[in-house]
Protein backbone atom coordinates (compact mmCIF):
# COMPACT_ATOMS: atom_id res chain seq x y z
CA MET A 1 -23.46 -54.82 -130.10
CA LYS A 2 -22.50 -51.82 -128.80
CA LYS A 3 -25.29 -49.46 -127.91
CA LYS A 4 -26.13 -45.96 -128.99
CA ILE A 5 -26.19 -42.85 -127.46
CA LEU A 6 -27.06 -39.80 -128.77
CA ILE A 7 -26.17 -36.37 -126.69
CA ILE A 8 -28.26 -33.45 -127.61
CA SER A 9 -26.44 -30.35 -126.29
CA PRO A 10 -26.17 -27.13 -126.03
CA GLN A 11 -22.53 -26.00 -126.19
CA LYS A 12 -20.66 -27.01 -129.56
CA TRP A 13 -17.85 -29.72 -129.18
CA THR A 14 -14.72 -28.01 -128.57
CA ASN A 15 -11.52 -28.37 -126.68
CA PHE A 16 -12.67 -26.46 -123.50
CA TYR A 17 -14.54 -29.33 -122.08
CA ASN A 18 -17.27 -29.30 -119.94
CA SER A 19 -20.00 -31.98 -118.47
CA LYS A 20 -21.43 -32.67 -121.47
CA HIS A 21 -18.12 -33.59 -122.77
CA TYR A 22 -16.90 -35.34 -119.83
CA TYR A 23 -20.68 -37.53 -119.62
CA ALA A 24 -19.61 -37.97 -123.54
CA ILE A 25 -16.25 -39.57 -123.08
CA TYR A 26 -17.02 -41.68 -120.37
CA LEU A 27 -20.35 -42.96 -122.23
CA LYS A 28 -17.27 -43.98 -125.16
CA LYS A 29 -14.29 -45.24 -122.85
CA ILE A 30 -17.13 -47.83 -121.69
CA GLY A 31 -18.71 -48.86 -124.89
CA TYR A 32 -21.17 -46.85 -126.16
CA ASP A 33 -21.38 -46.08 -129.31
CA VAL A 34 -21.71 -42.48 -128.66
CA TYR A 35 -23.11 -39.62 -130.92
CA TYR A 36 -23.12 -35.53 -130.18
CA LEU A 37 -25.57 -33.26 -132.02
CA ASN A 38 -23.49 -29.82 -131.94
CA PRO A 39 -25.51 -26.81 -131.55
CA ILE A 40 -27.66 -25.56 -135.40
CA ASN A 41 -25.38 -23.47 -137.93
CA TYR A 42 -26.79 -21.33 -140.10
CA ILE A 43 -26.62 -19.99 -143.40
CA PHE A 44 -23.02 -18.50 -142.95
CA SER A 45 -21.55 -21.38 -141.80
CA LYS A 46 -18.73 -23.08 -143.81
CA GLN A 47 -20.71 -26.49 -144.09
CA PHE A 48 -21.98 -27.41 -147.22
CA LYS A 49 -24.74 -31.07 -146.44
CA PHE A 50 -27.61 -30.91 -144.89
CA CYS A 51 -26.02 -33.15 -142.22
CA GLU A 52 -22.28 -33.80 -141.89
CA ILE A 53 -21.46 -36.60 -139.20
CA LYS A 54 -17.44 -36.80 -138.24
CA LYS A 55 -15.84 -38.60 -136.25
CA ASN A 56 -13.11 -36.85 -133.84
CA ARG A 57 -10.03 -38.21 -132.11
CA LEU A 58 -12.37 -39.76 -129.97
CA ASP A 59 -14.00 -41.79 -131.59
CA ILE A 60 -17.23 -40.08 -130.90
CA LYS A 61 -19.43 -38.75 -133.93
CA ILE A 62 -19.72 -35.01 -133.67
CA ILE A 63 -22.85 -34.57 -135.92
CA ASN A 64 -23.57 -30.91 -137.53
CA VAL A 65 -27.07 -30.00 -138.79
CA LYS A 66 -27.08 -27.20 -141.33
CA ILE A 67 -30.48 -24.96 -141.73
CA TYR A 68 -30.47 -22.77 -144.92
CA LEU A 69 -31.80 -20.19 -143.38
CA PRO A 70 -31.04 -16.41 -142.44
CA TYR A 71 -30.10 -15.50 -138.88
CA ARG A 72 -33.07 -13.05 -138.15
CA LEU A 73 -35.34 -16.03 -139.12
CA SER A 74 -33.95 -18.33 -136.56
CA ARG A 75 -36.89 -17.72 -133.81
CA PHE A 76 -38.21 -20.38 -135.76
CA PHE A 77 -35.99 -22.26 -134.78
CA LYS A 78 -37.99 -26.03 -134.42
CA PHE A 79 -40.11 -25.45 -137.95
CA ALA A 80 -36.57 -24.96 -139.32
CA PHE A 81 -35.19 -28.33 -137.26
CA ASN A 82 -37.51 -30.18 -138.37
CA LEU A 83 -37.67 -29.17 -142.25
CA PHE A 84 -34.15 -29.58 -142.10
CA LEU A 85 -33.54 -32.30 -140.35
CA ASN A 86 -35.84 -34.90 -142.44
CA PHE A 87 -34.01 -33.82 -145.60
CA SER A 88 -30.78 -35.64 -143.53
CA LEU A 89 -32.04 -39.09 -144.21
CA LYS A 90 -28.89 -40.51 -143.31
CA PHE A 91 -28.89 -39.23 -139.88
CA LYS A 92 -32.60 -39.59 -139.11
CA LYS A 93 -32.00 -43.64 -140.51
CA ASN A 94 -30.49 -43.10 -137.04
CA ASN A 95 -32.27 -45.13 -134.06
CA PHE A 96 -31.15 -44.44 -130.40
CA ASP A 97 -31.21 -46.51 -127.51
CA TYR A 98 -31.11 -43.54 -125.37
CA ILE A 99 -31.44 -40.10 -125.93
CA TRP A 100 -29.18 -38.05 -123.48
CA ASN A 101 -31.03 -34.24 -123.68
CA PHE A 102 -28.38 -31.42 -121.96
CA ASP A 103 -30.28 -28.69 -123.74
CA GLU A 104 -32.45 -27.08 -121.21
CA LYS A 105 -33.62 -24.70 -123.78
CA ASN A 106 -34.87 -27.09 -126.42
CA PHE A 107 -35.48 -30.40 -124.21
CA ASN A 108 -38.77 -31.57 -126.59
CA LEU A 109 -36.04 -31.86 -128.58
CA VAL A 110 -35.66 -35.91 -127.55
CA ASN A 111 -38.78 -36.39 -128.52
CA PHE A 112 -37.70 -35.42 -132.21
CA PHE A 113 -35.93 -39.03 -132.24
CA TYR A 114 -36.73 -42.42 -131.89
CA SER A 115 -34.90 -44.06 -128.87
CA LYS A 116 -35.20 -46.86 -126.13
CA LYS A 117 -35.49 -44.91 -123.15
CA LYS A 118 -35.12 -40.46 -123.17
CA ILE A 119 -33.39 -38.81 -120.26
CA PHE A 120 -33.52 -34.75 -120.26
CA GLN A 121 -30.52 -33.66 -117.57
CA VAL A 122 -31.27 -30.24 -116.29
CA MET A 123 -27.68 -28.71 -114.78
CA ASP A 124 -29.06 -25.08 -114.64
CA MET A 125 -31.90 -22.93 -113.96
CA MET A 126 -34.94 -23.84 -115.97
CA ASP A 127 -37.21 -20.73 -116.56
CA GLU A 128 -40.16 -22.95 -118.70
CA LYS A 129 -42.31 -25.17 -116.15
CA ILE A 130 -42.49 -29.14 -118.20
CA SER A 131 -45.93 -29.98 -118.45
CA SER A 132 -47.62 -33.49 -117.62
CA GLU A 133 -47.86 -34.20 -121.41
CA GLN A 134 -44.09 -33.41 -122.07
CA LEU A 135 -42.94 -35.37 -118.95
CA SER A 136 -44.71 -38.14 -119.73
CA GLN A 137 -42.76 -38.59 -123.15
CA ILE A 138 -39.47 -38.35 -120.61
CA ASP A 139 -38.62 -41.70 -118.95
CA TYR A 140 -36.19 -40.07 -116.56
CA VAL A 141 -34.99 -36.42 -115.60
CA ILE A 142 -31.56 -35.82 -114.07
CA THR A 143 -30.77 -32.75 -111.62
CA LEU A 144 -28.91 -31.28 -109.11
CA SER A 145 -31.71 -30.14 -107.37
CA LYS A 146 -35.26 -29.94 -107.44
CA GLU A 147 -34.73 -25.76 -107.42
CA LEU A 148 -33.31 -25.94 -110.94
CA ILE A 149 -36.87 -27.45 -112.34
CA LYS A 150 -40.62 -27.08 -111.98
CA LEU A 151 -42.05 -30.45 -111.95
CA PRO A 152 -45.58 -31.37 -112.37
CA SER A 153 -44.08 -34.50 -110.31
CA ASP A 154 -41.16 -36.10 -108.97
CA LYS A 155 -41.60 -38.85 -111.66
CA LYS A 156 -38.85 -40.92 -112.44
CA VAL A 157 -36.37 -38.16 -110.96
CA ILE A 158 -32.82 -38.64 -110.46
CA TYR A 159 -30.88 -36.28 -108.17
CA ILE A 160 -26.57 -36.19 -109.10
CA SER A 161 -23.93 -33.88 -108.10
CA HIS A 162 -21.44 -32.52 -111.23
CA GLY A 163 -18.19 -34.44 -112.05
CA LEU A 164 -14.97 -34.63 -111.14
CA SER A 165 -12.58 -35.38 -113.85
CA HIS A 166 -9.11 -37.73 -114.20
CA PHE A 167 -7.72 -34.93 -114.45
CA PHE A 168 -8.65 -33.23 -111.49
CA TYR A 169 -7.97 -37.03 -108.84
CA ASN A 170 -5.22 -38.74 -110.60
CA LYS A 171 -2.86 -36.90 -108.94
CA LYS A 172 0.05 -39.02 -107.89
CA LYS A 173 0.90 -38.44 -111.89
CA ILE A 174 0.47 -35.14 -112.27
CA PHE A 175 1.77 -33.07 -109.00
CA LYS A 176 5.52 -32.47 -108.78
CA LYS A 177 7.18 -32.00 -105.59
CA LYS A 178 8.88 -28.70 -106.11
CA ASN A 179 10.47 -25.65 -102.68
CA ARG A 180 8.22 -23.43 -102.64
CA LYS A 181 9.33 -19.86 -103.82
CA PHE A 182 6.80 -17.69 -103.01
CA LYS A 183 6.50 -16.17 -99.67
CA LYS A 184 3.94 -14.25 -100.12
CA LYS A 185 -0.03 -16.58 -99.49
CA ILE A 186 -1.49 -17.56 -102.94
CA VAL A 187 -5.21 -16.82 -103.77
CA GLY A 188 -6.80 -19.06 -107.15
CA ILE A 189 -9.66 -17.78 -108.68
CA TYR A 190 -10.52 -20.34 -110.96
CA GLY A 191 -13.22 -20.09 -113.74
CA ASN A 192 -15.13 -18.93 -116.81
CA PHE A 193 -14.57 -14.98 -116.09
CA MET A 194 -16.54 -13.80 -119.49
CA SER A 195 -19.66 -16.21 -118.10
CA GLY A 196 -21.44 -13.28 -116.10
CA ARG A 197 -20.91 -15.53 -113.32
CA PHE A 198 -18.45 -14.24 -111.00
CA ASP A 199 -18.99 -10.94 -109.08
CA LEU A 200 -15.60 -8.76 -110.89
CA ASP A 201 -16.39 -5.94 -108.90
CA SER A 202 -16.37 -7.92 -105.54
CA LEU A 203 -13.35 -9.79 -106.81
CA ASN A 204 -11.66 -6.55 -107.41
CA GLU A 205 -12.62 -4.61 -104.06
CA VAL A 206 -10.68 -7.81 -102.42
CA VAL A 207 -7.62 -7.57 -104.16
CA LYS A 208 -7.45 -4.14 -103.28
CA LYS A 209 -7.17 -4.54 -100.19
CA ASN A 210 -4.51 -7.59 -99.87
CA SER A 211 -1.48 -6.08 -101.55
CA ASN A 212 0.34 -8.33 -99.21
CA LEU A 213 -1.49 -11.30 -101.06
CA ILE A 214 -1.06 -12.56 -105.07
CA PHE A 215 -4.41 -13.84 -106.79
CA ARG A 216 -3.93 -15.42 -109.41
CA PHE A 217 -7.01 -16.50 -111.64
CA TYR A 218 -7.40 -19.12 -113.86
CA GLY A 219 -9.54 -19.65 -116.55
CA ASN A 220 -11.27 -17.62 -119.73
CA LYS A 221 -11.14 -13.81 -120.07
CA SER A 222 -11.64 -13.83 -123.52
CA GLN A 223 -14.91 -12.39 -126.05
CA ASN A 224 -13.42 -15.00 -129.09
CA HIS A 225 -13.86 -17.92 -126.11
CA PRO A 226 -17.08 -20.63 -127.36
CA TYR A 227 -18.71 -19.86 -123.91
CA THR A 228 -18.79 -15.99 -123.15
CA ASN A 229 -21.54 -14.42 -122.17
CA LYS A 230 -22.18 -12.07 -126.05
CA ASN A 231 -24.54 -9.77 -124.44
CA GLU A 232 -22.39 -8.56 -121.11
CA GLY A 233 -19.16 -9.10 -123.07
CA GLU A 234 -17.81 -6.07 -123.19
CA GLU A 235 -18.63 -4.57 -119.63
CA LEU A 236 -17.04 -7.88 -118.45
CA LEU A 237 -13.83 -7.45 -120.35
CA ARG A 238 -13.49 -3.85 -118.86
CA LYS A 239 -14.07 -5.27 -115.40
CA ILE A 240 -11.17 -8.09 -116.20
CA THR A 241 -8.97 -5.07 -117.83
CA LYS A 242 -9.50 -2.86 -114.47
CA ILE A 243 -8.67 -6.34 -112.03
CA ASN A 244 -5.25 -6.80 -114.56
CA LEU A 245 -4.06 -3.15 -113.06
CA ASN A 246 -3.76 -4.74 -110.15
CA LYS A 247 0.49 -5.16 -109.35
CA ASN A 248 -0.69 -8.80 -107.27
CA THR A 249 -2.67 -9.90 -109.75
CA PHE A 250 -1.85 -12.68 -112.57
CA PHE A 251 -4.07 -14.29 -115.14
CA TYR A 252 -3.48 -17.31 -116.46
CA GLU A 253 -5.78 -19.02 -119.24
CA ASN A 254 -5.72 -22.12 -121.82
CA LEU A 255 -3.04 -23.70 -119.60
CA PRO A 256 -2.69 -27.65 -120.85
CA LYS A 257 -4.94 -29.47 -117.99
CA ILE A 258 -1.98 -30.97 -116.44
CA LYS A 259 0.14 -27.45 -115.82
CA LEU A 260 -3.23 -26.25 -114.64
CA SER A 261 -3.87 -28.93 -112.17
CA ASN A 262 0.09 -28.34 -111.06
CA SER A 263 -0.71 -24.41 -111.15
CA LEU A 264 -3.73 -25.11 -109.10
CA ASN A 265 -2.06 -27.15 -106.59
CA GLU A 266 0.38 -24.08 -105.59
CA CYS A 267 -2.53 -22.16 -104.51
CA ASP A 268 -3.36 -21.80 -100.18
CA VAL A 269 -6.73 -20.90 -100.58
CA PHE A 270 -9.53 -20.53 -103.29
CA LEU A 271 -11.82 -17.82 -103.68
CA TYR A 272 -15.01 -17.79 -104.81
CA ILE A 273 -17.75 -14.88 -105.24
CA SER A 274 -20.68 -15.35 -107.42
CA SER A 275 -22.76 -12.59 -108.98
CA LEU A 276 -25.96 -14.76 -109.44
CA GLN A 277 -28.95 -14.57 -107.34
CA LYS A 278 -28.89 -18.25 -106.17
CA ASN A 279 -26.78 -20.67 -106.56
CA ILE A 280 -27.30 -24.54 -106.52
CA ASP A 281 -23.77 -26.07 -107.35
CA ALA A 282 -20.47 -25.18 -109.45
CA HIS A 283 -19.24 -27.60 -111.93
CA LYS A 284 -15.23 -25.67 -110.65
CA LEU A 285 -16.31 -25.84 -107.05
CA LEU A 286 -15.76 -29.64 -107.20
CA GLU A 287 -12.17 -29.48 -108.71
CA LEU A 288 -11.18 -26.95 -106.15
CA ILE A 289 -12.46 -29.19 -103.62
CA SER A 290 -9.91 -32.16 -104.20
CA PHE A 291 -7.20 -30.45 -103.82
CA GLY A 292 -8.33 -30.28 -100.13
CA LYS A 293 -7.06 -26.56 -99.82
CA PRO A 294 -9.75 -24.23 -97.86
CA ILE A 295 -11.95 -22.30 -100.58
CA LEU A 296 -14.12 -19.21 -99.70
CA THR A 297 -17.30 -18.73 -101.76
CA SER A 298 -20.42 -17.31 -102.21
CA LYS A 299 -23.16 -19.47 -100.49
CA PHE A 300 -23.90 -22.71 -102.43
CA GLN A 301 -27.12 -24.94 -101.24
CA ASN A 302 -25.82 -28.11 -102.55
CA TYR A 303 -22.85 -27.62 -99.89
CA LYS A 304 -24.56 -25.51 -97.16
CA ASN A 305 -24.61 -28.76 -95.26
CA ASN A 306 -21.04 -29.60 -95.58
CA LYS A 307 -18.85 -28.56 -92.62
CA ASN A 308 -15.74 -27.31 -93.49
CA ILE A 309 -16.29 -28.37 -97.54
CA ILE A 310 -16.10 -24.71 -98.04
CA TYR A 311 -16.65 -21.55 -95.96
CA PHE A 312 -18.95 -18.55 -96.61
CA PRO A 313 -18.95 -14.58 -95.88
CA LYS A 314 -22.08 -13.72 -93.85
CA LYS A 315 -22.65 -11.84 -96.85
CA ASN A 316 -22.00 -11.47 -100.80
CA ASN A 317 -20.34 -8.78 -100.81
CA SER A 318 -16.22 -7.81 -100.70
CA ASN A 319 -16.28 -6.64 -97.31
CA ASP A 320 -16.97 -10.09 -95.95
CA PHE A 321 -15.34 -11.78 -98.06
CA ASN A 322 -12.49 -9.57 -96.97
CA LEU A 323 -13.37 -10.16 -93.60
CA GLU A 324 -13.35 -13.78 -94.12
CA LEU A 325 -9.86 -14.57 -96.27
CA LYS A 326 -8.11 -12.53 -93.73
CA LYS A 327 -10.06 -15.10 -90.80
CA ILE A 328 -8.64 -18.20 -93.05
CA LEU A 329 -4.94 -16.94 -93.71
CA LYS A 330 -4.83 -15.91 -90.07
CA ASN A 331 -5.58 -19.23 -88.52
CA TYR A 332 -4.34 -21.24 -92.17
CA LYS A 333 -3.07 -23.80 -90.34
CA TYR A 334 -6.36 -25.12 -88.77
CA PHE A 335 -7.93 -24.23 -91.67
CA ASN A 336 -5.35 -26.42 -93.79
CA LYS A 337 -4.81 -29.39 -91.23
CA LYS A 338 -4.78 -32.88 -91.92
CA GLU A 339 -8.08 -34.05 -91.24
CA PHE A 340 -9.22 -31.17 -93.38
CA SER A 341 -7.73 -31.39 -96.54
CA LEU A 342 -8.68 -35.29 -96.47
CA LEU A 343 -12.06 -34.56 -95.80
CA ARG A 344 -12.44 -32.15 -98.89
CA LYS A 345 -10.46 -34.65 -100.98
CA LYS A 346 -12.66 -37.70 -100.07
CA PHE A 347 -16.02 -35.86 -101.04
CA ALA A 348 -14.51 -34.93 -104.62
CA LEU A 349 -13.61 -38.58 -105.05
CA ASN A 350 -16.60 -40.02 -104.14
CA ARG A 351 -17.82 -37.40 -107.17
CA THR A 352 -15.98 -38.63 -110.08
CA TYR A 353 -17.50 -38.58 -113.38
CA GLU A 354 -16.67 -42.41 -113.38
CA ALA A 355 -18.87 -42.93 -110.33
CA ILE A 356 -21.90 -41.12 -111.13
CA ILE A 357 -22.57 -41.75 -114.94
CA SER A 358 -21.81 -45.60 -113.21
CA ASN A 359 -25.16 -45.28 -110.70
CA ILE A 360 -27.23 -43.24 -113.62
CA LEU A 361 -26.36 -46.29 -115.97
CA LYS A 362 -27.36 -48.29 -113.21
CA LYS A 363 -30.74 -46.49 -112.47
CA ILE A 364 -32.03 -46.34 -115.88
CA ASN A 365 -31.14 -50.04 -116.67
CA GLU A 366 -33.51 -51.25 -113.02
């Protein structure tokens, strides 16, 4: 009989996959019966029933829970969730082998369902500290770093890295050999530009100082994207529009995965300037590392000891990024030599979702 897993996510199921989606996809692939709980819908949503469970094209069961309350009362989130989910008897009858919660702001949701094992996975910084009592109700805590979560003890903590999807390592089938059409070096910037994680002002300064280079921006620049930072949306869009005024910039949005991989592979170097004060890791970084090209980024804790994987400027400002970028391109044969390229590709291939999830399953089943 298939083991049943409920994934609790702070982000709804969309075609814009992130780590939660990839976990669900791989667990389904290896034979688990996967349920994926979307964030709660409010009164203005079209859903009529208290709870609906529908299979998507990947045969993953997507759960939508409806709350009949105005948005203004959403601060009573937990009360409303318990009240209306109790009415959802069809869903309530489901017992699970694993509850896998990725929702850092609502980590107590793991205790609302019956399961043999409860897992809490932390991928972003948590402001709230988990008490000893709350920790005792969780079987395993999975995280990128101990700095992301304040724990009263190291009880059953599993440390992992971000995962690499098959779109970024099955390159023999994806990449096409073709003659290089571009004489200018291409700098690739990849991610969600509406997330608030990029220092767009510094990026603009670097672009303006390097008119001899082509800058390609791959990723979201729309306020309607499901993962847009709603609080900063208008300001972020203004900054992106300012960057796009430069003649040497090109934006690529919502490219199919294979086309995205091919286009990213045409870049000579990648650039990632973060706006965050503390950087632990970034999902997109691992995907960029898999191409084997030089990467210039803000300092990330999980990469500080990985020589020649990625490169950092002395300070996180446009001037130092510009100096370091010029240094890399001036000595490009050295920074892009085969030895370093293979090192980067191997680093990424050791961190596929298959490898990471298999390792987690071994530990939680021991």
